[in-house]
Amino acid sequence: MPPSRPAESDRNFESKARNRPRTYPYFKYLPHEVEDEAERQRNLDTILEQLYIAVESSDFIPGAVHWTTELERWLNLKFDLTKEQGTKLAKLYYELALAPGIDPAVAEISSSTFMQLTK
């Protein structure tokens, strides 16, 4: 079966999320179908919602750490955040990394995530 072309909504989202297109079309060469952009965004929304709840309730370990790990896994699958989402998350993780009195493990994970979001 020939690789499928990205849906129109996927191309529209990519133009909002990236300054320039990816040089390697990851999804095109996978041996299986990938979920559509709407499903990816629903998954991201769940991660962000749970992360917000964990941070608001000061549940850093295990709450925010768990949802940060889920976010990093989502990003490692080569899914893209919108510029607005990336900016807000970078600000959040910057503040968490430098927050006084926060657990050193949480600060380390926050700074690592901040670096991943800003590269």
PDB file of N, CA and C in Angstrom:
ATOM      1  N   MET A   1       0.845  -1.167   0.000  1.00  0.00           N
ATOM      2  CA  MET A   1       0.000   0.000   0.000  1.00  0.00           C
ATOM      3  C   MET A   1       0.900   1.243   0.000  1.00  0.00           C
ATOM      4  N   PRO A   2       0.682   2.193  -0.900  1.00  0.00           N
ATOM      5  CA  PRO A   2       1.523   3.398  -0.947  1.00  0.00           C
ATOM      6  C   PRO A   2       1.272   4.269   0.276  1.00  0.00           C
ATOM      7  N   PRO A   3       2.304   5.008   0.687  1.00  0.00           N
ATOM      8  CA  PRO A   3       2.128   5.900   1.846  1.00  0.00           C
ATOM      9  C   PRO A   3       1.069   6.945   1.553  1.00  0.00           C
ATOM     10  N   SER A   4       0.294   7.272   2.561  1.00  0.00           N
ATOM     11  CA  SER A   4      -0.761   8.259   2.375  1.00  0.00           C
ATOM     12  C   SER A   4      -0.194   9.670   2.474  1.00  0.00           C
ATOM     13  N   ARG A   5      -0.865  10.571   1.792  1.00  0.00           N
ATOM     14  CA  ARG A   5      -0.476  11.980   1.844  1.00  0.00           C
ATOM     15  C   ARG A   5      -1.113  12.604   3.065  1.00  0.00           C
ATOM     16  N   PRO A   6      -0.468  13.619   3.646  1.00  0.00           N
ATOM     17  CA  PRO A   6      -1.082  14.274   4.800  1.00  0.00           C
ATOM     18  C   PRO A   6      -2.397  14.935   4.422  1.00  0.00           C
ATOM     19  N   ALA A   7      -3.344  14.870   5.325  1.00  0.00           N
ATOM     20  CA  ALA A   7      -4.641  15.503   5.101  1.00  0.00           C
ATOM     21  C   ALA A   7      -4.474  17.018   5.049  1.00  0.00           C
ATOM     22  N   GLU A   8      -5.441  17.678   4.435  1.00  0.00           N
ATOM     23  CA  GLU A   8      -5.397  19.137   4.318  1.00  0.00           C
ATOM     24  C   GLU A   8      -5.287  19.799   5.689  1.00  0.00           C
ATOM     25  N   SER A   9      -6.030  19.262   6.685  1.00  0.00           N
ATOM     26  CA  SER A   9      -5.979  19.857   8.027  1.00  0.00           C
ATOM     27  C   SER A   9      -4.587  19.706   8.635  1.00  0.00           C
ATOM     28  N   ASP A  10      -3.895  18.584   8.333  1.00  0.00           N
ATOM     29  CA  ASP A  10      -2.535  18.400   8.834  1.00  0.00           C
ATOM     30  C   ASP A  10      -1.593  19.445   8.245  1.00  0.00           C
ATOM     31  N   ARG A  11      -1.738  19.719   6.950  1.00  0.00           N
ATOM     32  CA  ARG A  11      -0.872  20.725   6.313  1.00  0.00           C
ATOM     33  C   ARG A  11      -1.170  22.115   6.863  1.00  0.00           C
ATOM     34  N   ASN A  12      -2.447  22.415   7.110  1.00  0.00           N
ATOM     35  CA  ASN A  12      -2.804  23.715   7.672  1.00  0.00           C
ATOM     36  C   ASN A  12      -2.225  23.874   9.064  1.00  0.00           C
ATOM     37  N   PHE A  13      -2.319  22.827   9.882  1.00  0.00           N
ATOM     38  CA  PHE A  13      -1.771  22.896  11.229  1.00  0.00           C
ATOM     39  C   PHE A  13      -0.267  23.076  11.177  1.00  0.00           C
ATOM     40  N   GLU A  14       0.408  22.330  10.294  1.00  0.00           N
ATOM     41  CA  GLU A  14       1.856  22.421  10.212  1.00  0.00           C
ATOM     42  C   GLU A  14       2.296  23.830   9.867  1.00  0.00           C
ATOM     43  N   SER A  15       1.527  24.525   9.021  1.00  0.00           N
ATOM     44  CA  SER A  15       1.906  25.893   8.681  1.00  0.00           C
ATOM     45  C   SER A  15       1.761  26.820   9.883  1.00  0.00           C
ATOM     46  N   LYS A  16       0.845  26.501  10.814  1.00  0.00           N
ATOM     47  CA  LYS A  16       0.699  27.302  12.024  1.00  0.00           C
ATOM     48  C   LYS A  16       1.779  26.965  13.048  1.00  0.00           C
ATOM     49  N   ALA A  17       2.261  25.743  13.025  1.00  0.00           N
ATOM     50  CA  ALA A  17       3.151  25.264  14.073  1.00  0.00           C
ATOM     51  C   ALA A  17       4.628  25.475  13.754  1.00  0.00           C
ATOM     52  N   ARG A  18       4.990  25.480  12.514  1.00  0.00           N
ATOM     53  CA  ARG A  18       6.404  25.521  12.163  1.00  0.00           C
ATOM     54  C   ARG A  18       6.711  26.721  11.279  1.00  0.00           C
ATOM     55  N   ASN A  19       7.923  27.244  11.426  1.00  0.00           N
ATOM     56  CA  ASN A  19       8.369  28.325  10.554  1.00  0.00           C
ATOM     57  C   ASN A  19       8.672  27.813   9.154  1.00  0.00           C
ATOM     58  N   ARG A  20       9.166  26.603   9.075  1.00  0.00           N
ATOM     59  CA  ARG A  20       9.465  25.991   7.789  1.00  0.00           C
ATOM     60  C   ARG A  20       9.118  24.510   7.886  1.00  0.00           C
ATOM     61  N   PRO A  21       8.819  23.892   6.765  1.00  0.00           N
ATOM     62  CA  PRO A  21       8.402  22.489   6.809  1.00  0.00           C
ATOM     63  C   PRO A  21       9.545  21.579   7.254  1.00  0.00           C
ATOM     64  N   ARG A  22       9.179  20.444   7.794  1.00  0.00           N
ATOM     65  CA  ARG A  22      10.184  19.461   8.185  1.00  0.00           C
ATOM     66  C   ARG A  22      10.938  18.993   6.946  1.00  0.00           C
ATOM     67  N   THR A  23      12.206  18.675   7.120  1.00  0.00           N
ATOM     68  CA  THR A  23      12.998  18.215   5.988  1.00  0.00           C
ATOM     69  C   THR A  23      12.766  16.740   5.699  1.00  0.00           C
ATOM     70  N   TYR A  24      12.296  16.000   6.691  1.00  0.00           N
ATOM     71  CA  TYR A  24      12.010  14.585   6.494  1.00  0.00           C
ATOM     72  C   TYR A  24      10.553  14.335   6.837  1.00  0.00           C
ATOM     73  N   PRO A  25       9.782  13.790   5.912  1.00  0.00           N
ATOM     74  CA  PRO A  25       8.347  13.563   6.165  1.00  0.00           C
ATOM     75  C   PRO A  25       8.121  12.282   6.980  1.00  0.00           C
ATOM     76  N   TYR A  26       8.267  12.387   8.296  1.00  0.00           N
ATOM     77  CA  TYR A  26       8.207  11.229   9.184  1.00  0.00           C
ATOM     78  C   TYR A  26       6.944  10.396   8.979  1.00  0.00           C
ATOM     79  N   PHE A  27       5.797  11.037   8.976  1.00  0.00           N
ATOM     80  CA  PHE A  27       4.537  10.303   8.944  1.00  0.00           C
ATOM     81  C   PHE A  27       4.323   9.589   7.615  1.00  0.00           C
ATOM     82  N   LYS A  28       4.908  10.110   6.557  1.00  0.00           N
ATOM     83  CA  LYS A  28       4.711   9.535   5.225  1.00  0.00           C
ATOM     84  C   LYS A  28       5.352   8.152   5.102  1.00  0.00           C
ATOM     85  N   TYR A  29       6.463   7.921   5.803  1.00  0.00           N
ATOM     86  CA  TYR A  29       7.207   6.680   5.633  1.00  0.00           C
ATOM     87  C   TYR A  29       7.000   5.659   6.743  1.00  0.00           C
ATOM     88  N   LEU A  30       6.076   5.915   7.639  1.00  0.00           N
ATOM     89  CA  LEU A  30       5.780   4.926   8.666  1.00  0.00           C
ATOM     90  C   LEU A  30       5.034   3.741   8.044  1.00  0.00           C
ATOM     91  N   PRO A  31       5.239   2.534   8.565  1.00  0.00           N
ATOM     92  CA  PRO A  31       4.572   1.360   7.979  1.00  0.00           C
ATOM     93  C   PRO A  31       3.108   1.221   8.414  1.00  0.00           C
ATOM     94  N   HIS A  32       2.587   2.218   9.102  1.00  0.00           N
ATOM     95  CA  HIS A  32       1.211   2.167   9.583  1.00  0.00           C
ATOM     96  C   HIS A  32       0.598   3.558   9.503  1.00  0.00           C
ATOM     97  N   GLU A  33      -0.693   3.612   9.656  1.00  0.00           N
ATOM     98  CA  GLU A  33      -1.391   4.899   9.664  1.00  0.00           C
ATOM     99  C   GLU A  33      -1.152   5.600  10.993  1.00  0.00           C
ATOM    100  N   VAL A  34      -1.091   6.904  10.962  1.00  0.00           N
ATOM    101  CA  VAL A  34      -1.003   7.684  12.198  1.00  0.00           C
ATOM    102  C   VAL A  34      -2.340   8.389  12.402  1.00  0.00           C
ATOM    103  N   GLU A  35      -2.612   8.732  13.667  1.00  0.00           N
ATOM    104  CA  GLU A  35      -3.868   9.417  13.928  1.00  0.00           C
ATOM    105  C   GLU A  35      -3.872  10.776  13.246  1.00  0.00           C
ATOM    106  N   ASP A  36      -5.048  11.279  12.995  1.00  0.00           N
ATOM    107  CA  ASP A  36      -5.157  12.572  12.328  1.00  0.00           C
ATOM    108  C   ASP A  36      -4.849  13.702  13.316  1.00  0.00           C
ATOM    109  N   GLU A  37      -4.754  14.891  12.796  1.00  0.00           N
ATOM    110  CA  GLU A  37      -4.376  16.051  13.608  1.00  0.00           C
ATOM    111  C   GLU A  37      -5.368  16.302  14.734  1.00  0.00           C
ATOM    112  N   ALA A  38      -6.646  16.077  14.484  1.00  0.00           N
ATOM    113  CA  ALA A  38      -7.658  16.296  15.526  1.00  0.00           C
ATOM    114  C   ALA A  38      -7.427  15.365  16.714  1.00  0.00           C
ATOM    115  N   GLU A  39      -7.107  14.116  16.452  1.00  0.00           N
ATOM    116  CA  GLU A  39      -6.839  13.157  17.533  1.00  0.00           C
ATOM    117  C   GLU A  39      -5.564  13.538  18.298  1.00  0.00           C
ATOM    118  N   ARG A  40      -4.535  13.958  17.567  1.00  0.00           N
ATOM    119  CA  ARG A  40      -3.291  14.394  18.234  1.00  0.00           C
ATOM    120  C   ARG A  40      -3.565  15.579  19.148  1.00  0.00           C
ATOM    121  N   GLN A  41      -4.387  16.523  18.686  1.00  0.00           N
ATOM    122  CA  GLN A  41      -4.693  17.694  19.501  1.00  0.00           C
ATOM    123  C   GLN A  41      -5.542  17.336  20.717  1.00  0.00           C
ATOM    124  N   ARG A  42      -6.448  16.379  20.563  1.00  0.00           N
ATOM    125  CA  ARG A  42      -7.221  15.924  21.732  1.00  0.00           C
ATOM    126  C   ARG A  42      -6.300  15.305  22.773  1.00  0.00           C
ATOM    127  N   ASN A  43      -5.336  14.514  22.320  1.00  0.00           N
ATOM    128  CA  ASN A  43      -4.379  13.917  23.252  1.00  0.00           C
ATOM    129  C   ASN A  43      -3.543  14.995  23.945  1.00  0.00           C
ATOM    130  N   LEU A  44      -3.100  15.976  23.175  1.00  0.00           N
ATOM    131  CA  LEU A  44      -2.329  17.075  23.754  1.00  0.00           C
ATOM    132  C   LEU A  44      -3.178  17.866  24.744  1.00  0.00           C
ATOM    133  N   ASP A  45      -4.426  18.116  24.402  1.00  0.00           N
ATOM    134  CA  ASP A  45      -5.308  18.850  25.311  1.00  0.00           C
ATOM    135  C   ASP A  45      -5.462  18.127  26.643  1.00  0.00           C
ATOM    136  N   THR A  46      -5.556  16.809  26.607  1.00  0.00           N
ATOM    137  CA  THR A  46      -5.643  16.028  27.845  1.00  0.00           C
ATOM    138  C   THR A  46      -4.372  16.196  28.675  1.00  0.00           C
ATOM    139  N   ILE A  47      -3.224  16.115  28.019  1.00  0.00           N
ATOM    140  CA  ILE A  47      -1.953  16.278  28.723  1.00  0.00           C
ATOM    141  C   ILE A  47      -1.869  17.662  29.358  1.00  0.00           C
ATOM    142  N   LEU A  48      -2.209  18.697  28.588  1.00  0.00           N
ATOM    143  CA  LEU A  48      -2.110  20.073  29.094  1.00  0.00           C
ATOM    144  C   LEU A  48      -3.104  20.329  30.220  1.00  0.00           C
ATOM    145  N   GLU A  49      -4.296  19.767  30.111  1.00  0.00           N
ATOM    146  CA  GLU A  49      -5.296  19.933  31.155  1.00  0.00           C
ATOM    147  C   GLU A  49      -4.826  19.304  32.469  1.00  0.00           C
ATOM    148  N   GLN A  50      -4.310  18.095  32.387  1.00  0.00           N
ATOM    149  CA  GLN A  50      -3.838  17.409  33.584  1.00  0.00           C
ATOM    150  C   GLN A  50      -2.585  18.090  34.168  1.00  0.00           C
ATOM    151  N   LEU A  51      -1.725  18.611  33.296  1.00  0.00           N
ATOM    152  CA  LEU A  51      -0.552  19.352  33.755  1.00  0.00           C
ATOM    153  C   LEU A  51      -0.977  20.610  34.500  1.00  0.00           C
ATOM    154  N   TYR A  52      -1.965  21.320  33.956  1.00  0.00           N
ATOM    155  CA  TYR A  52      -2.483  22.524  34.603  1.00  0.00           C
ATOM    156  C   TYR A  52      -3.040  22.197  35.988  1.00  0.00           C
ATOM    157  N   ILE A  53      -3.816  21.134  36.082  1.00  0.00           N
ATOM    158  CA  ILE A  53      -4.392  20.734  37.362  1.00  0.00           C
ATOM    159  C   ILE A  53      -3.285  20.408  38.368  1.00  0.00           C
ATOM    160  N   ALA A  54      -2.265  19.689  37.921  1.00  0.00           N
ATOM    161  CA  ALA A  54      -1.164  19.315  38.817  1.00  0.00           C
ATOM    162  C   ALA A  54      -0.396  20.540  39.303  1.00  0.00           C
ATOM    163  N   VAL A  55      -0.108  21.481  38.410  1.00  0.00           N
ATOM    164  CA  VAL A  55       0.652  22.675  38.802  1.00  0.00           C
ATOM    165  C   VAL A  55      -0.188  23.560  39.712  1.00  0.00           C
ATOM    166  N   GLU A  56      -1.457  23.755  39.376  1.00  0.00           N
ATOM    167  CA  GLU A  56      -2.334  24.590  40.199  1.00  0.00           C
ATOM    168  C   GLU A  56      -2.497  24.045  41.610  1.00  0.00           C
ATOM    169  N   SER A  57      -2.493  22.724  41.750  1.00  0.00           N
ATOM    170  CA  SER A  57      -2.674  22.117  43.071  1.00  0.00           C
ATOM    171  C   SER A  57      -1.335  21.854  43.764  1.00  0.00           C
ATOM    172  N   SER A  58      -0.238  22.332  43.178  1.00  0.00           N
ATOM    173  CA  SER A  58       1.125  22.132  43.706  1.00  0.00           C
ATOM    174  C   SER A  58       1.473  20.659  43.861  1.00  0.00           C
ATOM    175  N   ASP A  59       0.921  19.830  42.996  1.00  0.00           N
ATOM    176  CA  ASP A  59       1.228  18.408  42.969  1.00  0.00           C
ATOM    177  C   ASP A  59       2.358  18.191  41.965  1.00  0.00           C
ATOM    178  N   PHE A  60       3.568  18.534  42.382  1.00  0.00           N
ATOM    179  CA  PHE A  60       4.701  18.464  41.460  1.00  0.00           C
ATOM    180  C   PHE A  60       5.218  17.038  41.317  1.00  0.00           C
ATOM    181  N   ILE A  61       5.325  16.339  42.447  1.00  0.00           N
ATOM    182  CA  ILE A  61       5.754  14.939  42.406  1.00  0.00           C
ATOM    183  C   ILE A  61       4.621  14.123  42.974  1.00  0.00           C
ATOM    184  N   PRO A  62       4.021  13.242  42.294  1.00  0.00           N
ATOM    185  CA  PRO A  62       4.286  12.757  40.942  1.00  0.00           C
ATOM    186  C   PRO A  62       3.509  13.475  39.837  1.00  0.00           C
ATOM    187  N   GLY A  63       2.515  14.296  40.162  1.00  0.00           N
ATOM    188  CA  GLY A  63       1.600  14.877  39.184  1.00  0.00           C
ATOM    189  C   GLY A  63       2.247  15.585  38.010  1.00  0.00           C
ATOM    190  N   ALA A  64       2.879  16.727  38.255  1.00  0.00           N
ATOM    191  CA  ALA A  64       3.456  17.523  37.169  1.00  0.00           C
ATOM    192  C   ALA A  64       4.599  16.777  36.481  1.00  0.00           C
ATOM    193  N   VAL A  65       5.350  16.001  37.247  1.00  0.00           N
ATOM    194  CA  VAL A  65       6.451  15.235  36.651  1.00  0.00           C
ATOM    195  C   VAL A  65       5.888  14.208  35.665  1.00  0.00           C
ATOM    196  N   HIS A  66       4.821  13.530  36.060  1.00  0.00           N
ATOM    197  CA  HIS A  66       4.211  12.536  35.174  1.00  0.00           C
ATOM    198  C   HIS A  66       3.716  13.186  33.882  1.00  0.00           C
ATOM    199  N   TRP A  67       2.994  14.295  34.003  1.00  0.00           N
ATOM    200  CA  TRP A  67       2.426  14.921  32.809  1.00  0.00           C
ATOM    201  C   TRP A  67       3.489  15.608  31.965  1.00  0.00           C
ATOM    202  N   THR A  68       4.584  16.018  32.589  1.00  0.00           N
ATOM    203  CA  THR A  68       5.714  16.543  31.816  1.00  0.00           C
ATOM    204  C   THR A  68       6.344  15.426  30.997  1.00  0.00           C
ATOM    205  N   THR A  69       6.466  14.258  31.595  1.00  0.00           N
ATOM    206  CA  THR A  69       7.000  13.101  30.871  1.00  0.00           C
ATOM    207  C   THR A  69       6.094  12.745  29.694  1.00  0.00           C
ATOM    208  N   GLU A  70       4.794  12.789  29.905  1.00  0.00           N
ATOM    209  CA  GLU A  70       3.850  12.513  28.815  1.00  0.00           C
ATOM    210  C   GLU A  70       3.997  13.552  27.697  1.00  0.00           C
ATOM    211  N   LEU A  71       4.166  14.816  28.068  1.00  0.00           N
ATOM    212  CA  LEU A  71       4.359  15.868  27.069  1.00  0.00           C
ATOM    213  C   LEU A  71       5.642  15.628  26.280  1.00  0.00           C
ATOM    214  N   GLU A  72       6.713  15.275  26.963  1.00  0.00           N
ATOM    215  CA  GLU A  72       7.979  15.008  26.274  1.00  0.00           C
ATOM    216  C   GLU A  72       7.850  13.820  25.322  1.00  0.00           C
ATOM    217  N   ARG A  73       7.119  12.795  25.730  1.00  0.00           N
ATOM    218  CA  ARG A  73       6.892  11.646  24.843  1.00  0.00           C
ATOM    219  C   ARG A  73       6.092  12.070  23.625  1.00  0.00           C
ATOM    220  N   TRP A  74       5.088  12.914  23.826  1.00  0.00           N
ATOM    221  CA  TRP A  74       4.272  13.401  22.719  1.00  0.00           C
ATOM    222  C   TRP A  74       5.146  14.171  21.735  1.00  0.00           C
ATOM    223  N   LEU A  75       6.036  15.011  22.255  1.00  0.00           N
ATOM    224  CA  LEU A  75       6.931  15.792  21.397  1.00  0.00           C
ATOM    225  C   LEU A  75       7.952  14.896  20.690  1.00  0.00           C
ATOM    226  N   ASN A  76       8.399  13.842  21.357  1.00  0.00           N
ATOM    227  CA  ASN A  76       9.370  12.935  20.756  1.00  0.00           C
ATOM    228  C   ASN A  76       8.790  12.138  19.593  1.00  0.00           C
ATOM    229  N   LEU A  77       7.472  12.087  19.503  1.00  0.00           N
ATOM    230  CA  LEU A  77       6.828  11.434  18.364  1.00  0.00           C
ATOM    231  C   LEU A  77       6.783  12.342  17.142  1.00  0.00           C
ATOM    232  N   LYS A  78       7.459  13.488  17.236  1.00  0.00           N
ATOM    233  CA  LYS A  78       7.560  14.485  16.157  1.00  0.00           C
ATOM    234  C   LYS A  78       6.248  15.202  15.896  1.00  0.00           C
ATOM    235  N   PHE A  79       5.371  15.250  16.901  1.00  0.00           N
ATOM    236  CA  PHE A  79       4.164  16.055  16.800  1.00  0.00           C
ATOM    237  C   PHE A  79       4.545  17.472  17.170  1.00  0.00           C
ATOM    238  N   ASP A  80       3.857  18.431  16.590  1.00  0.00           N
ATOM    239  CA  ASP A  80       4.207  19.836  16.795  1.00  0.00           C
ATOM    240  C   ASP A  80       3.167  20.564  17.623  1.00  0.00           C
ATOM    241  N   LEU A  81       3.667  21.427  18.484  1.00  0.00           N
ATOM    242  CA  LEU A  81       2.819  22.372  19.203  1.00  0.00           C
ATOM    243  C   LEU A  81       2.594  23.574  18.311  1.00  0.00           C
ATOM    244  N   THR A  82       1.520  24.305  18.559  1.00  0.00           N
ATOM    245  CA  THR A  82       1.395  25.592  17.872  1.00  0.00           C
ATOM    246  C   THR A  82       2.412  26.537  18.524  1.00  0.00           C
ATOM    247  N   LYS A  83       2.706  27.630  17.876  1.00  0.00           N
ATOM    248  CA  LYS A  83       3.654  28.597  18.441  1.00  0.00           C
ATOM    249  C   LYS A  83       3.148  29.137  19.766  1.00  0.00           C
ATOM    250  N   GLU A  84       1.839  29.380  19.850  1.00  0.00           N
ATOM    251  CA  GLU A  84       1.251  29.896  21.083  1.00  0.00           C
ATOM    252  C   GLU A  84       1.391  28.880  22.225  1.00  0.00           C
ATOM    253  N   GLN A  85       1.084  27.616  21.944  1.00  0.00           N
ATOM    254  CA  GLN A  85       1.219  26.573  22.962  1.00  0.00           C
ATOM    255  C   GLN A  85       2.671  26.442  23.414  1.00  0.00           C
ATOM    256  N   GLY A  86       3.587  26.438  22.458  1.00  0.00           N
ATOM    257  CA  GLY A  86       5.004  26.307  22.784  1.00  0.00           C
ATOM    258  C   GLY A  86       5.510  27.464  23.631  1.00  0.00           C
ATOM    259  N   THR A  87       5.062  28.672  23.311  1.00  0.00           N
ATOM    260  CA  THR A  87       5.473  29.853  24.066  1.00  0.00           C
ATOM    261  C   THR A  87       4.970  29.793  25.502  1.00  0.00           C
ATOM    262  N   LYS A  88       3.698  29.454  25.666  1.00  0.00           N
ATOM    263  CA  LYS A  88       3.130  29.375  27.010  1.00  0.00           C
ATOM    264  C   LYS A  88       3.798  28.281  27.835  1.00  0.00           C
ATOM    265  N   LEU A  89       4.045  27.138  27.228  1.00  0.00           N
ATOM    266  CA  LEU A  89       4.705  26.046  27.958  1.00  0.00           C
ATOM    267  C   LEU A  89       6.142  26.402  28.315  1.00  0.00           C
ATOM    268  N   ALA A  90       6.843  27.065  27.405  1.00  0.00           N
ATOM    269  CA  ALA A  90       8.221  27.469  27.699  1.00  0.00           C
ATOM    270  C   ALA A  90       8.253  28.422  28.891  1.00  0.00           C
ATOM    271  N   LYS A  91       7.317  29.362  28.945  1.00  0.00           N
ATOM    272  CA  LYS A  91       7.247  30.285  30.078  1.00  0.00           C
ATOM    273  C   LYS A  91       6.951  29.543  31.372  1.00  0.00           C
ATOM    274  N   LEU A  92       6.010  28.589  31.317  1.00  0.00           N
ATOM    275  CA  LEU A  92       5.665  27.800  32.502  1.00  0.00           C
ATOM    276  C   LEU A  92       6.879  27.039  33.015  1.00  0.00           C
ATOM    277  N   TYR A  93       7.583  26.346  32.130  1.00  0.00           N
ATOM    278  CA  TYR A  93       8.717  25.537  32.570  1.00  0.00           C
ATOM    279  C   TYR A  93       9.902  26.398  33.007  1.00  0.00           C
ATOM    280  N   TYR A  94      10.048  27.571  32.421  1.00  0.00           N
ATOM    281  CA  TYR A  94      11.085  28.497  32.863  1.00  0.00           C
ATOM    282  C   TYR A  94      10.825  28.912  34.311  1.00  0.00           C
ATOM    283  N   GLU A  95       9.571  29.261  34.589  1.00  0.00           N
ATOM    284  CA  GLU A  95       9.219  29.675  35.952  1.00  0.00           C
ATOM    285  C   GLU A  95       9.338  28.520  36.937  1.00  0.00           C
ATOM    286  N   LEU A  96       8.941  27.334  36.529  1.00  0.00           N
ATOM    287  CA  LEU A  96       9.065  26.180  37.419  1.00  0.00           C
ATOM    288  C   LEU A  96      10.531  25.851  37.699  1.00  0.00           C
ATOM    289  N   ALA A  97      11.381  25.971  36.697  1.00  0.00           N
ATOM    290  CA  ALA A  97      12.801  25.652  36.874  1.00  0.00           C
ATOM    291  C   ALA A  97      13.465  26.607  37.858  1.00  0.00           C
ATOM    292  N   LEU A  98      12.994  27.856  37.914  1.00  0.00           N
ATOM    293  CA  LEU A  98      13.621  28.862  38.772  1.00  0.00           C
ATOM    294  C   LEU A  98      12.814  29.185  40.025  1.00  0.00           C
ATOM    295  N   ALA A  99      11.733  28.451  40.258  1.00  0.00           N
ATOM    296  CA  ALA A  99      10.883  28.737  41.417  1.00  0.00           C
ATOM    297  C   ALA A  99      11.633  28.445  42.714  1.00  0.00           C
ATOM    298  N   PRO A 100      11.600  29.391  43.661  1.00  0.00           N
ATOM    299  CA  PRO A 100      12.289  29.162  44.932  1.00  0.00           C
ATOM    300  C   PRO A 100      11.565  28.085  45.746  1.00  0.00           C
ATOM    301  N   GLY A 101      12.347  27.222  46.358  1.00  0.00           N
ATOM    302  CA  GLY A 101      11.803  26.197  47.236  1.00  0.00           C
ATOM    303  C   GLY A 101      11.237  24.976  46.540  1.00  0.00           C
ATOM    304  N   ILE A 102      11.341  24.920  45.234  1.00  0.00           N
ATOM    305  CA  ILE A 102      10.818  23.759  44.522  1.00  0.00           C
ATOM    306  C   ILE A 102      11.820  22.610  44.618  1.00  0.00           C
ATOM    307  N   ASP A 103      11.317  21.395  44.610  1.00  0.00           N
ATOM    308  CA  ASP A 103      12.167  20.206  44.694  1.00  0.00           C
ATOM    309  C   ASP A 103      13.207  20.226  43.565  1.00  0.00           C
ATOM    310  N   PRO A 104      14.469  19.916  43.857  1.00  0.00           N
ATOM    311  CA  PRO A 104      15.507  19.946  42.809  1.00  0.00           C
ATOM    312  C   PRO A 104      15.217  19.029  41.623  1.00  0.00           C
ATOM    313  N   ALA A 105      14.575  17.898  41.870  1.00  0.00           N
ATOM    314  CA  ALA A 105      14.238  16.994  40.759  1.00  0.00           C
ATOM    315  C   ALA A 105      13.227  17.649  39.825  1.00  0.00           C
ATOM    316  N   VAL A 106      12.257  18.345  40.375  1.00  0.00           N
ATOM    317  CA  VAL A 106      11.255  19.042  39.564  1.00  0.00           C
ATOM    318  C   VAL A 106      11.926  20.179  38.790  1.00  0.00           C
ATOM    319  N   ALA A 107      12.829  20.898  39.431  1.00  0.00           N
ATOM    320  CA  ALA A 107      13.549  21.984  38.752  1.00  0.00           C
ATOM    321  C   ALA A 107      14.377  21.442  37.590  1.00  0.00           C
ATOM    322  N   GLU A 108      14.999  20.292  37.780  1.00  0.00           N
ATOM    323  CA  GLU A 108      15.816  19.684  36.722  1.00  0.00           C
ATOM    324  C   GLU A 108      14.946  19.258  35.537  1.00  0.00           C
ATOM    325  N   ILE A 109      13.835  18.615  35.811  1.00  0.00           N
ATOM    326  CA  ILE A 109      12.929  18.185  34.747  1.00  0.00           C
ATOM    327  C   ILE A 109      12.347  19.400  34.032  1.00  0.00           C
ATOM    328  N   SER A 110      12.015  20.430  34.795  1.00  0.00           N
ATOM    329  CA  SER A 110      11.462  21.650  34.199  1.00  0.00           C
ATOM    330  C   SER A 110      12.469  22.337  33.298  1.00  0.00           C
ATOM    331  N   SER A 111      13.726  22.401  33.725  1.00  0.00           N
ATOM    332  CA  SER A 111      14.738  23.049  32.889  1.00  0.00           C
ATOM    333  C   SER A 111      15.017  22.223  31.637  1.00  0.00           C
ATOM    334  N   SER A 112      14.986  20.905  31.759  1.00  0.00           N
ATOM    335  CA  SER A 112      15.179  20.035  30.599  1.00  0.00           C
ATOM    336  C   SER A 112      14.048  20.225  29.592  1.00  0.00           C
ATOM    337  N   THR A 113      12.828  20.303  30.080  1.00  0.00           N
ATOM    338  CA  THR A 113      11.676  20.499  29.197  1.00  0.00           C
ATOM    339  C   THR A 113      11.724  21.888  28.563  1.00  0.00           C
ATOM    340  N   PHE A 114      12.122  22.885  29.342  1.00  0.00           N
ATOM    341  CA  PHE A 114      12.274  24.233  28.800  1.00  0.00           C
ATOM    342  C   PHE A 114      13.268  24.226  27.631  1.00  0.00           C
ATOM    343  N   MET A 115      14.383  23.544  27.818  1.00  0.00           N
ATOM    344  CA  MET A 115      15.387  23.473  26.740  1.00  0.00           C
ATOM    345  C   MET A 115      14.835  22.767  25.502  1.00  0.00           C
ATOM    346  N   GLN A 116      14.079  21.703  25.713  1.00  0.00           N
ATOM    347  CA  GLN A 116      13.492  20.982  24.587  1.00  0.00           C
ATOM    348  C   GLN A 116      12.499  21.860  23.834  1.00  0.00           C
ATOM    349  N   LEU A 117      11.726  22.641  24.565  1.00  0.00           N
ATOM    350  CA  LEU A 117      10.725  23.499  23.933  1.00  0.00           C
ATOM    351  C   LEU A 117      11.345  24.681  23.186  1.00  0.00           C
ATOM    352  N   THR A 118      12.506  25.139  23.627  1.00  0.00           N
ATOM    353  CA  THR A 118      13.100  26.314  23.001  1.00  0.00           C
ATOM    354  C   THR A 118      14.127  26.005  21.932  1.00  0.00           C
ATOM    355  N   LYS A 119      14.453  24.756  21.723  1.00  0.00           N
ATOM    356  CA  LYS A 119      15.434  24.457  20.673  1.00  0.00           C
ATOM    357  C   LYS A 119      14.833  24.477  19.296  1.00  0.00           C
TER     358      LYS A 119
END
